[in-house]
PDB file of N, CA and C in Angstrom:
ATOM      1  N   MET A   1      -5.597  27.008   2.813  1.00  0.00           N
ATOM      2  CA  MET A   1      -5.765  26.593   1.436  1.00  0.00           C
ATOM      3  C   MET A   1      -5.300  25.160   1.249  1.00  0.00           C
ATOM      4  N   THR A   2      -6.030  24.427   0.501  1.00  0.00           N
ATOM      5  CA  THR A   2      -5.646  23.048   0.244  1.00  0.00           C
ATOM      6  C   THR A   2      -4.857  22.961  -1.050  1.00  0.00           C
ATOM      7  N   ASP A   3      -4.285  21.804  -1.267  1.00  0.00           N
ATOM      8  CA  ASP A   3      -3.477  21.572  -2.457  1.00  0.00           C
ATOM      9  C   ASP A   3      -4.299  21.759  -3.726  1.00  0.00           C
ATOM     10  N   SER A   4      -5.575  21.371  -3.711  1.00  0.00           N
ATOM     11  CA  SER A   4      -6.398  21.418  -4.917  1.00  0.00           C
ATOM     12  C   SER A   4      -6.809  22.836  -5.290  1.00  0.00           C
ATOM     13  N   SER A   5      -6.791  23.780  -4.333  1.00  0.00           N
ATOM     14  CA  SER A   5      -7.228  25.134  -4.665  1.00  0.00           C
ATOM     15  C   SER A   5      -6.057  26.072  -4.963  1.00  0.00           C
ATOM     16  N   MET A   6      -4.835  25.585  -4.868  1.00  0.00           N
ATOM     17  CA  MET A   6      -3.680  26.420  -5.168  1.00  0.00           C
ATOM     18  C   MET A   6      -3.356  26.336  -6.653  1.00  0.00           C
ATOM     19  N   TYR A   7      -2.910  27.433  -7.179  1.00  0.00           N
ATOM     20  CA  TYR A   7      -2.509  27.473  -8.574  1.00  0.00           C
ATOM     21  C   TYR A   7      -0.999  27.429  -8.630  1.00  0.00           C
ATOM     22  N   ARG A   8      -0.481  26.444  -9.320  1.00  0.00           N
ATOM     23  CA  ARG A   8       0.960  26.279  -9.438  1.00  0.00           C
ATOM     24  C   ARG A   8       1.326  26.194 -10.908  1.00  0.00           C
ATOM     25  N   SER A   9       2.528  26.647 -11.198  1.00  0.00           N
ATOM     26  CA  SER A   9       3.011  26.587 -12.575  1.00  0.00           C
ATOM     27  C   SER A   9       3.306  25.135 -12.943  1.00  0.00           C
ATOM     28  N   PRO A  10       3.345  24.865 -14.230  1.00  0.00           N
ATOM     29  CA  PRO A  10       3.681  23.501 -14.655  1.00  0.00           C
ATOM     30  C   PRO A  10       5.062  23.061 -14.156  1.00  0.00           C
ATOM     31  N   THR A  11       5.986  24.003 -14.066  1.00  0.00           N
ATOM     32  CA  THR A  11       7.320  23.673 -13.561  1.00  0.00           C
ATOM     33  C   THR A  11       7.252  23.256 -12.097  1.00  0.00           C
ATOM     34  N   ALA A  12       6.474  23.996 -11.298  1.00  0.00           N
ATOM     35  CA  ALA A  12       6.330  23.658  -9.883  1.00  0.00           C
ATOM     36  C   ALA A  12       5.630  22.313  -9.720  1.00  0.00           C
ATOM     37  N   LEU A  13       4.612  22.057 -10.510  1.00  0.00           N
ATOM     38  CA  LEU A  13       3.906  20.772 -10.444  1.00  0.00           C
ATOM     39  C   LEU A  13       4.826  19.616 -10.825  1.00  0.00           C
ATOM     40  N   ALA A  14       5.683  19.841 -11.824  1.00  0.00           N
ATOM     41  CA  ALA A  14       6.629  18.804 -12.232  1.00  0.00           C
ATOM     42  C   ALA A  14       7.635  18.525 -11.111  1.00  0.00           C
ATOM     43  N   ALA A  15       8.085  19.588 -10.431  1.00  0.00           N
ATOM     44  CA  ALA A  15       9.032  19.418  -9.323  1.00  0.00           C
ATOM     45  C   ALA A  15       8.370  18.653  -8.165  1.00  0.00           C
ATOM     46  N   ILE A  16       7.118  18.976  -7.881  1.00  0.00           N
ATOM     47  CA  ILE A  16       6.388  18.282  -6.810  1.00  0.00           C
ATOM     48  C   ILE A  16       6.220  16.810  -7.153  1.00  0.00           C
ATOM     49  N   ASP A  17       5.836  16.512  -8.386  1.00  0.00           N
ATOM     50  CA  ASP A  17       5.685  15.120  -8.810  1.00  0.00           C
ATOM     51  C   ASP A  17       7.010  14.369  -8.732  1.00  0.00           C
ATOM     52  N   ALA A  18       8.086  15.036  -9.132  1.00  0.00           N
ATOM     53  CA  ALA A  18       9.406  14.404  -9.080  1.00  0.00           C
ATOM     54  C   ALA A  18       9.805  14.087  -7.643  1.00  0.00           C
ATOM     55  N   GLU A  19       9.529  14.994  -6.716  1.00  0.00           N
ATOM     56  CA  GLU A  19       9.880  14.765  -5.317  1.00  0.00           C
ATOM     57  C   GLU A  19       8.999  13.679  -4.699  1.00  0.00           C
ATOM     58  N   ARG A  20       7.743  13.612  -5.106  1.00  0.00           N
ATOM     59  CA  ARG A  20       6.868  12.534  -4.605  1.00  0.00           C
ATOM     60  C   ARG A  20       7.354  11.181  -5.095  1.00  0.00           C
ATOM     61  N   ARG A  21       7.763  11.115  -6.367  1.00  0.00           N
ATOM     62  CA  ARG A  21       8.307   9.864  -6.895  1.00  0.00           C
ATOM     63  C   ARG A  21       9.611   9.501  -6.199  1.00  0.00           C
ATOM     64  N   ARG A  22      10.436  10.506  -5.947  1.00  0.00           N
ATOM     65  CA  ARG A  22      11.708  10.278  -5.254  1.00  0.00           C
ATOM     66  C   ARG A  22      11.470   9.736  -3.848  1.00  0.00           C
ATOM     67  N   LEU A  23      10.510  10.328  -3.149  1.00  0.00           N
ATOM     68  CA  LEU A  23      10.187   9.863  -1.803  1.00  0.00           C
ATOM     69  C   LEU A  23       9.623   8.449  -1.838  1.00  0.00           C
ATOM     70  N   ASP A  24       8.780   8.174  -2.807  1.00  0.00           N
ATOM     71  CA  ASP A  24       8.199   6.843  -2.945  1.00  0.00           C
ATOM     72  C   ASP A  24       9.274   5.801  -3.240  1.00  0.00           C
ATOM     73  N   LEU A  25      10.260   6.184  -4.034  1.00  0.00           N
ATOM     74  CA  LEU A  25      11.348   5.282  -4.389  1.00  0.00           C
ATOM     75  C   LEU A  25      12.229   4.969  -3.184  1.00  0.00           C
ATOM     76  N   HIS A  26      12.432   5.943  -2.316  1.00  0.00           N
ATOM     77  CA  HIS A  26      13.333   5.800  -1.179  1.00  0.00           C
ATOM     78  C   HIS A  26      12.595   5.455   0.112  1.00  0.00           C
ATOM     79  N   ARG A  27      11.545   4.649   0.034  1.00  0.00           N
ATOM     80  CA  ARG A  27      10.819   4.206   1.225  1.00  0.00           C
ATOM     81  C   ARG A  27      11.676   3.238   2.028  1.00  0.00           C
ATOM     82  N   THR A  28      11.567   3.317   3.336  1.00  0.00           N
ATOM     83  CA  THR A  28      12.279   2.395   4.210  1.00  0.00           C
ATOM     84  C   THR A  28      11.493   1.103   4.304  1.00  0.00           C
ATOM     85  N   ASP A  29      12.164  -0.016   4.068  1.00  0.00           N
ATOM     86  CA  ASP A  29      11.531  -1.322   4.143  1.00  0.00           C
ATOM     87  C   ASP A  29      11.265  -1.657   5.603  1.00  0.00           C
ATOM     88  N   ARG A  30      10.071  -2.126   5.911  1.00  0.00           N
ATOM     89  CA  ARG A  30       9.705  -2.418   7.298  1.00  0.00           C
ATOM     90  C   ARG A  30      10.467  -3.609   7.860  1.00  0.00           C
ATOM     91  N   GLU A  31      10.795  -4.549   7.024  1.00  0.00           N
ATOM     92  CA  GLU A  31      11.444  -5.754   7.503  1.00  0.00           C
ATOM     93  C   GLU A  31      12.938  -5.566   7.735  1.00  0.00           C
ATOM     94  N   THR A  32      13.605  -4.871   6.815  1.00  0.00           N
ATOM     95  CA  THR A  32      15.056  -4.714   6.932  1.00  0.00           C
ATOM     96  C   THR A  32      15.462  -3.399   7.575  1.00  0.00           C
ATOM     97  N   GLY A  33      14.597  -2.386   7.524  1.00  0.00           N
ATOM     98  CA  GLY A  33      14.934  -1.068   8.054  1.00  0.00           C
ATOM     99  C   GLY A  33      15.859  -0.287   7.147  1.00  0.00           C
ATOM    100  N   ARG A  34      15.978  -0.725   5.910  1.00  0.00           N
ATOM    101  CA  ARG A  34      16.863  -0.055   4.948  1.00  0.00           C
ATOM    102  C   ARG A  34      16.046   0.568   3.828  1.00  0.00           C
ATOM    103  N   CYS A  35      16.663   1.563   3.192  1.00  0.00           N
ATOM    104  CA  CYS A  35      16.036   2.241   2.054  1.00  0.00           C
ATOM    105  C   CYS A  35      15.891   1.239   0.911  1.00  0.00           C
ATOM    106  N   GLY A  36      14.745   1.280   0.240  1.00  0.00           N
ATOM    107  CA  GLY A  36      14.506   0.363  -0.867  1.00  0.00           C
ATOM    108  C   GLY A  36      15.329   0.666  -2.099  1.00  0.00           C
ATOM    109  N   ALA A  37      15.829   1.891  -2.235  1.00  0.00           N
ATOM    110  CA  ALA A  37      16.580   2.270  -3.428  1.00  0.00           C
ATOM    111  C   ALA A  37      18.092   2.220  -3.211  1.00  0.00           C
ATOM    112  N   CYS A  38      18.561   2.827  -2.122  1.00  0.00           N
ATOM    113  CA  CYS A  38      20.013   2.938  -1.934  1.00  0.00           C
ATOM    114  C   CYS A  38      20.557   2.011  -0.864  1.00  0.00           C
ATOM    115  N   GLY A  39      19.713   1.381  -0.071  1.00  0.00           N
ATOM    116  CA  GLY A  39      20.157   0.405   0.908  1.00  0.00           C
ATOM    117  C   GLY A  39      20.687   0.977   2.211  1.00  0.00           C
ATOM    118  N   ARG A  40      20.599   2.274   2.413  1.00  0.00           N
ATOM    119  CA  ARG A  40      21.063   2.874   3.669  1.00  0.00           C
ATOM    120  C   ARG A  40      20.058   2.580   4.776  1.00  0.00           C
ATOM    121  N   THR A  41      20.536   2.623   6.019  1.00  0.00           N
ATOM    122  CA  THR A  41      19.626   2.369   7.136  1.00  0.00           C
ATOM    123  C   THR A  41      18.750   3.575   7.403  1.00  0.00           C
ATOM    124  N   GLY A  42      17.540   3.264   7.901  1.00  0.00           N
ATOM    125  CA  GLY A  42      16.610   4.331   8.267  1.00  0.00           C
ATOM    126  C   GLY A  42      16.184   5.155   7.071  1.00  0.00           C
ATOM    127  N   PRO A  43      15.504   6.250   7.316  1.00  0.00           N
ATOM    128  CA  PRO A  43      15.194   7.115   6.177  1.00  0.00           C
ATOM    129  C   PRO A  43      16.490   7.744   5.675  1.00  0.00           C
ATOM    130  N   CYS A  44      16.793   7.529   4.414  1.00  0.00           N
ATOM    131  CA  CYS A  44      18.041   8.024   3.839  1.00  0.00           C
ATOM    132  C   CYS A  44      17.943   9.538   3.585  1.00  0.00           C
ATOM    133  N   PRO A  45      19.062  10.202   3.334  1.00  0.00           N
ATOM    134  CA  PRO A  45      19.044  11.646   3.068  1.00  0.00           C
ATOM    135  C   PRO A  45      18.164  12.031   1.879  1.00  0.00           C
ATOM    136  N   ASP A  46      18.110  11.169   0.864  1.00  0.00           N
ATOM    137  CA  ASP A  46      17.250  11.468  -0.287  1.00  0.00           C
ATOM    138  C   ASP A  46      15.780  11.520   0.120  1.00  0.00           C
ATOM    139  N   ALA A  47      15.364  10.573   0.943  1.00  0.00           N
ATOM    140  CA  ALA A  47      13.980  10.562   1.411  1.00  0.00           C
ATOM    141  C   ALA A  47      13.701  11.769   2.297  1.00  0.00           C
ATOM    142  N   ASN A  48      14.644  12.107   3.156  1.00  0.00           N
ATOM    143  CA  ASN A  48      14.470  13.269   4.023  1.00  0.00           C
ATOM    144  C   ASN A  48      14.368  14.556   3.214  1.00  0.00           C
ATOM    145  N   ASP A  49      15.230  14.708   2.203  1.00  0.00           N
ATOM    146  CA  ASP A  49      15.196  15.919   1.373  1.00  0.00           C
ATOM    147  C   ASP A  49      13.863  16.042   0.633  1.00  0.00           C
ATOM    148  N   ALA A  50      13.378  14.921   0.099  1.00  0.00           N
ATOM    149  CA  ALA A  50      12.105  14.948  -0.624  1.00  0.00           C
ATOM    150  C   ALA A  50      10.954  15.280   0.321  1.00  0.00           C
ATOM    151  N   ALA A  51      10.988  14.718   1.529  1.00  0.00           N
ATOM    152  CA  ALA A  51       9.922  14.989   2.498  1.00  0.00           C
ATOM    153  C   ALA A  51       9.945  16.446   2.940  1.00  0.00           C
ATOM    154  N   VAL A  52      11.130  16.992   3.134  1.00  0.00           N
ATOM    155  CA  VAL A  52      11.247  18.409   3.511  1.00  0.00           C
ATOM    156  C   VAL A  52      10.724  19.292   2.392  1.00  0.00           C
ATOM    157  N   PHE A  53      11.057  18.983   1.153  1.00  0.00           N
ATOM    158  CA  PHE A  53      10.580  19.750   0.005  1.00  0.00           C
ATOM    159  C   PHE A  53       9.055  19.799  -0.016  1.00  0.00           C
ATOM    160  N   LEU A  54       8.422  18.642   0.194  1.00  0.00           N
ATOM    161  CA  LEU A  54       6.956  18.584   0.176  1.00  0.00           C
ATOM    162  C   LEU A  54       6.357  19.287   1.392  1.00  0.00           C
ATOM    163  N   ALA A  55       6.975  19.105   2.550  1.00  0.00           N
ATOM    164  CA  ALA A  55       6.444  19.720   3.777  1.00  0.00           C
ATOM    165  C   ALA A  55       6.556  21.241   3.723  1.00  0.00           C
ATOM    166  N   GLU A  56       7.629  21.762   3.136  1.00  0.00           N
ATOM    167  CA  GLU A  56       7.786  23.219   3.020  1.00  0.00           C
ATOM    168  C   GLU A  56       6.698  23.838   2.170  1.00  0.00           C
ATOM    169  N   ARG A  57       6.149  23.060   1.272  1.00  0.00           N
ATOM    170  CA  ARG A  57       5.092  23.563   0.396  1.00  0.00           C
ATOM    171  C   ARG A  57       3.704  23.228   0.926  1.00  0.00           C
ATOM    172  N   GLY A  58       3.649  22.693   2.135  1.00  0.00           N
ATOM    173  CA  GLY A  58       2.369  22.402   2.771  1.00  0.00           C
ATOM    174  C   GLY A  58       1.662  21.204   2.187  1.00  0.00           C
ATOM    175  N   LEU A  59       2.410  20.312   1.568  1.00  0.00           N
ATOM    176  CA  LEU A  59       1.803  19.126   0.952  1.00  0.00           C
ATOM    177  C   LEU A  59       1.965  17.939   1.877  1.00  0.00           C
ATOM    178  N   LEU A  60       0.963  17.117   1.903  1.00  0.00           N
ATOM    179  CA  LEU A  60       1.027  15.917   2.722  1.00  0.00           C
ATOM    180  C   LEU A  60       1.974  14.919   2.086  1.00  0.00           C
ATOM    181  N   VAL A  61       2.652  14.196   2.922  1.00  0.00           N
ATOM    182  CA  VAL A  61       3.534  13.143   2.434  1.00  0.00           C
ATOM    183  C   VAL A  61       2.646  12.003   1.971  1.00  0.00           C
ATOM    184  N   PRO A  62       2.875  11.495   0.756  1.00  0.00           N
ATOM    185  CA  PRO A  62       2.000  10.428   0.249  1.00  0.00           C
ATOM    186  C   PRO A  62       2.172   9.141   1.029  1.00  0.00           C
ATOM    187  N   ALA A  63       1.108   8.406   1.118  1.00  0.00           N
ATOM    188  CA  ALA A  63       1.148   7.100   1.783  1.00  0.00           C
ATOM    189  C   ALA A  63       1.939   6.124   0.940  1.00  0.00           C
ATOM    190  N   ALA A  64       2.481   5.137   1.579  1.00  0.00           N
ATOM    191  CA  ALA A  64       3.260   4.126   0.866  1.00  0.00           C
ATOM    192  C   ALA A  64       2.357   3.363  -0.086  1.00  0.00           C
ATOM    193  N   ARG A  65       2.858   3.117  -1.250  1.00  0.00           N
ATOM    194  CA  ARG A  65       2.107   2.330  -2.226  1.00  0.00           C
ATOM    195  C   ARG A  65       2.666   0.922  -2.190  1.00  0.00           C
ATOM    196  N   ARG A  66       1.920   0.055  -1.538  1.00  0.00           N
ATOM    197  CA  ARG A  66       2.375  -1.322  -1.415  1.00  0.00           C
ATOM    198  C   ARG A  66       1.405  -2.236  -2.120  1.00  0.00           C
ATOM    199  N   GLY A  67       1.954  -3.206  -2.758  1.00  0.00           N
ATOM    200  CA  GLY A  67       1.120  -4.231  -3.355  1.00  0.00           C
ATOM    201  C   GLY A  67       0.735  -5.232  -2.285  1.00  0.00           C
ATOM    202  N   PRO A  68      -0.022  -6.235  -2.663  1.00  0.00           N
ATOM    203  CA  PRO A  68      -0.387  -7.237  -1.670  1.00  0.00           C
ATOM    204  C   PRO A  68       0.853  -7.983  -1.202  1.00  0.00           C
ATOM    205  N   ARG A  69       0.979  -8.136   0.092  1.00  0.00           N
ATOM    206  CA  ARG A  69       2.111  -8.871   0.638  1.00  0.00           C
ATOM    207  C   ARG A  69       1.818 -10.351   0.490  1.00  0.00           C
ATOM    208  N   PRO A  70       2.859 -11.165   0.300  1.00  0.00           N
ATOM    209  CA  PRO A  70       2.611 -12.597   0.062  1.00  0.00           C
ATOM    210  C   PRO A  70       1.783 -13.261   1.158  1.00  0.00           C
ATOM    211  N   ILE A  71       2.064 -12.959   2.413  1.00  0.00           N
ATOM    212  CA  ILE A  71       1.317 -13.611   3.488  1.00  0.00           C
ATOM    213  C   ILE A  71      -0.143 -13.169   3.469  1.00  0.00           C
ATOM    214  N   ARG A  72      -0.385 -11.912   3.120  1.00  0.00           N
ATOM    215  CA  ARG A  72      -1.770 -11.440   3.017  1.00  0.00           C
ATOM    216  C   ARG A  72      -2.488 -12.135   1.876  1.00  0.00           C
ATOM    217  N   ALA A  73      -1.774 -12.364   0.779  1.00  0.00           N
ATOM    218  CA  ALA A  73      -2.389 -13.040  -0.363  1.00  0.00           C
ATOM    219  C   ALA A  73      -2.770 -14.475   0.005  1.00  0.00           C
ATOM    220  N   VAL A  74      -1.910 -15.134   0.774  1.00  0.00           N
ATOM    221  CA  VAL A  74      -2.209 -16.506   1.204  1.00  0.00           C
ATOM    222  C   VAL A  74      -3.406 -16.511   2.147  1.00  0.00           C
ATOM    223  N   ARG A  75      -3.414 -15.570   3.092  1.00  0.00           N
ATOM    224  CA  ARG A  75      -4.552 -15.493   4.019  1.00  0.00           C
ATOM    225  C   ARG A  75      -5.848 -15.221   3.274  1.00  0.00           C
ATOM    226  N   ARG A  76      -5.789 -14.312   2.312  1.00  0.00           N
ATOM    227  CA  ARG A  76      -6.985 -13.967   1.543  1.00  0.00           C
ATOM    228  C   ARG A  76      -7.490 -15.180   0.777  1.00  0.00           C
ATOM    229  N   ALA A  77      -6.577 -15.940   0.157  1.00  0.00           N
ATOM    230  CA  ALA A  77      -6.976 -17.129  -0.601  1.00  0.00           C
ATOM    231  C   ALA A  77      -7.579 -18.183   0.329  1.00  0.00           C
ATOM    232  N   ALA A  78      -6.969 -18.364   1.495  1.00  0.00           N
ATOM    233  CA  ALA A  78      -7.492 -19.336   2.456  1.00  0.00           C
ATOM    234  C   ALA A  78      -8.869 -18.911   2.952  1.00  0.00           C
ATOM    235  N   TYR A  79      -9.044 -17.611   3.193  1.00  0.00           N
ATOM    236  CA  TYR A  79     -10.348 -17.129   3.656  1.00  0.00           C
ATOM    237  C   TYR A  79     -11.413 -17.361   2.589  1.00  0.00           C
ATOM    238  N   LYS A  80     -11.075 -17.059   1.335  1.00  0.00           N
ATOM    239  CA  LYS A  80     -12.055 -17.241   0.260  1.00  0.00           C
ATOM    240  C   LYS A  80     -12.409 -18.712   0.082  1.00  0.00           C
ATOM    241  N   ALA A  81     -11.412 -19.592   0.181  1.00  0.00           N
ATOM    242  CA  ALA A  81     -11.690 -21.026   0.050  1.00  0.00           C
ATOM    243  C   ALA A  81     -12.556 -21.501   1.214  1.00  0.00           C
ATOM    244  N   GLY A  82     -12.252 -21.053   2.422  1.00  0.00           N
ATOM    245  CA  GLY A  82     -13.048 -21.422   3.590  1.00  0.00           C
ATOM    246  C   GLY A  82     -14.464 -20.886   3.495  1.00  0.00           C
ATOM    247  N   ARG A  83     -14.599 -19.678   2.974  1.00  0.00           N
ATOM    248  CA  ARG A  83     -15.928 -19.083   2.822  1.00  0.00           C
ATOM    249  C   ARG A  83     -16.759 -19.890   1.835  1.00  0.00           C
ATOM    250  N   ALA A  84     -16.132 -20.304   0.731  1.00  0.00           N
ATOM    251  CA  ALA A  84     -16.852 -21.119  -0.251  1.00  0.00           C
ATOM    252  C   ALA A  84     -17.269 -22.459   0.353  1.00  0.00           C
ATOM    253  N   LEU A  85     -16.397 -23.044   1.160  1.00  0.00           N
ATOM    254  CA  LEU A  85     -16.729 -24.305   1.811  1.00  0.00           C
ATOM    255  C   LEU A  85     -17.873 -24.132   2.809  1.00  0.00           C
ATOM    256  N   ARG A  86     -17.820 -23.057   3.597  1.00  0.00           N
ATOM    257  CA  ARG A  86     -18.901 -22.805   4.562  1.00  0.00           C
ATOM    258  C   ARG A  86     -20.230 -22.591   3.852  1.00  0.00           C
ATOM    259  N   ARG A  87     -20.201 -21.882   2.739  1.00  0.00           N
ATOM    260  CA  ARG A  87     -21.440 -21.669   1.974  1.00  0.00           C
ATOM    261  C   ARG A  87     -21.986 -22.985   1.442  1.00  0.00           C
ATOM    262  N   ALA A  88     -21.088 -23.839   0.952  1.00  0.00           N
ATOM    263  CA  ALA A  88     -21.530 -25.130   0.414  1.00  0.00           C
ATOM    264  C   ALA A  88     -22.147 -25.989   1.517  1.00  0.00           C
ATOM    265  N   VAL A  89     -21.523 -26.000   2.681  1.00  0.00           N
ATOM    266  CA  VAL A  89     -22.061 -26.777   3.810  1.00  0.00           C
ATOM    267  C   VAL A  89     -23.419 -26.228   4.221  1.00  0.00           C
ATOM    268  N   ARG A  90     -23.528 -24.908   4.299  1.00  0.00           N
ATOM    269  CA  ARG A  90     -24.799 -24.282   4.680  1.00  0.00           C
ATOM    270  C   ARG A  90     -25.874 -24.603   3.643  1.00  0.00           C
ATOM    271  N   ARG A  91     -25.532 -24.575   2.363  1.00  0.00           N
ATOM    272  CA  ARG A  91     -26.483 -24.863   1.297  1.00  0.00           C
ATOM    273  C   ARG A  91     -26.943 -26.315   1.389  1.00  0.00           C
ATOM    274  N   ASP A  92     -25.994 -27.226   1.668  1.00  0.00           N
ATOM    275  CA  ASP A  92     -26.355 -28.638   1.814  1.00  0.00           C
ATOM    276  C   ASP A  92     -27.254 -28.852   3.026  1.00  0.00           C
ATOM    277  N   ALA A  93     -26.987 -28.136   4.101  1.00  0.00           N
ATOM    278  CA  ALA A  93     -27.819 -28.261   5.303  1.00  0.00           C
ATOM    279  C   ALA A  93     -29.232 -27.756   5.029  1.00  0.00           C
ATOM    280  N   ASP A  94     -29.343 -26.705   4.227  1.00  0.00           N
ATOM    281  CA  ASP A  94     -30.673 -26.158   3.903  1.00  0.00           C
ATOM    282  C   ASP A  94     -31.475 -27.113   3.022  1.00  0.00           C
ATOM    283  N   THR A  95     -30.812 -27.874   2.174  1.00  0.00           N
ATOM    284  CA  THR A  95     -31.523 -28.781   1.262  1.00  0.00           C
ATOM    285  C   THR A  95     -31.737 -30.153   1.883  1.00  0.00           C
ATOM    286  N   GLY A  96     -31.146 -30.414   3.049  1.00  0.00           N
ATOM    287  CA  GLY A  96     -31.321 -31.698   3.697  1.00  0.00           C
ATOM    288  C   GLY A  96     -30.375 -32.763   3.176  1.00  0.00           C
ATOM    289  N   PHE A  97     -29.430 -32.414   2.314  1.00  0.00           N
ATOM    290  CA  PHE A  97     -28.472 -33.379   1.777  1.00  0.00           C
ATOM    291  C   PHE A  97     -27.435 -33.708   2.840  1.00  0.00           C
ATOM    292  N   SER A  98     -27.108 -34.963   2.959  1.00  0.00           N
ATOM    293  CA  SER A  98     -26.080 -35.393   3.889  1.00  0.00           C
ATOM    294  C   SER A  98     -25.132 -36.317   3.154  1.00  0.00           C
ATOM    295  N   ALA A  99     -23.832 -36.048   3.292  1.00  0.00           N
ATOM    296  CA  ALA A  99     -22.837 -36.880   2.618  1.00  0.00           C
ATOM    297  C   ALA A  99     -22.819 -38.269   3.229  1.00  0.00           C
ATOM    298  N   ARG A 100     -23.168 -38.382   4.502  1.00  0.00           N
ATOM    299  CA  ARG A 100     -23.169 -39.685   5.163  1.00  0.00           C
ATOM    300  C   ARG A 100     -24.287 -40.579   4.643  1.00  0.00           C
ATOM    301  N   ALA A 101     -25.413 -39.975   4.329  1.00  0.00           N
ATOM    302  CA  ALA A 101     -26.564 -40.766   3.867  1.00  0.00           C
ATOM    303  C   ALA A 101     -26.371 -41.244   2.434  1.00  0.00           C
ATOM    304  N   ALA A 102     -25.509 -40.578   1.695  1.00  0.00           N
ATOM    305  CA  ALA A 102     -25.345 -40.930   0.278  1.00  0.00           C
ATOM    306  C   ALA A 102     -24.465 -42.098   0.047  1.00  0.00           C
TER     307      ALA A 102
END
């Protein structure tokens, strides 16, 4: 049985949501290796307890919700700017325009 076909009481659903939020809050930072909420090293006891709660009920542990990382945002902006430049050069080549001739 999957999570979507099980019938759970509102109390059980609230407990599951609370544990998912708790686990999400206590994610281990990849760079420092510490919990994002309490600062302990590795997965802290709070994260372990929340993961055990979800695993006992046969629920998958949710994936980390991360926003865009700064370096990824810079790479994305550079790629978009380069793409626009390549398109402009290609368009100029198709029309026969040359900056040197002008």
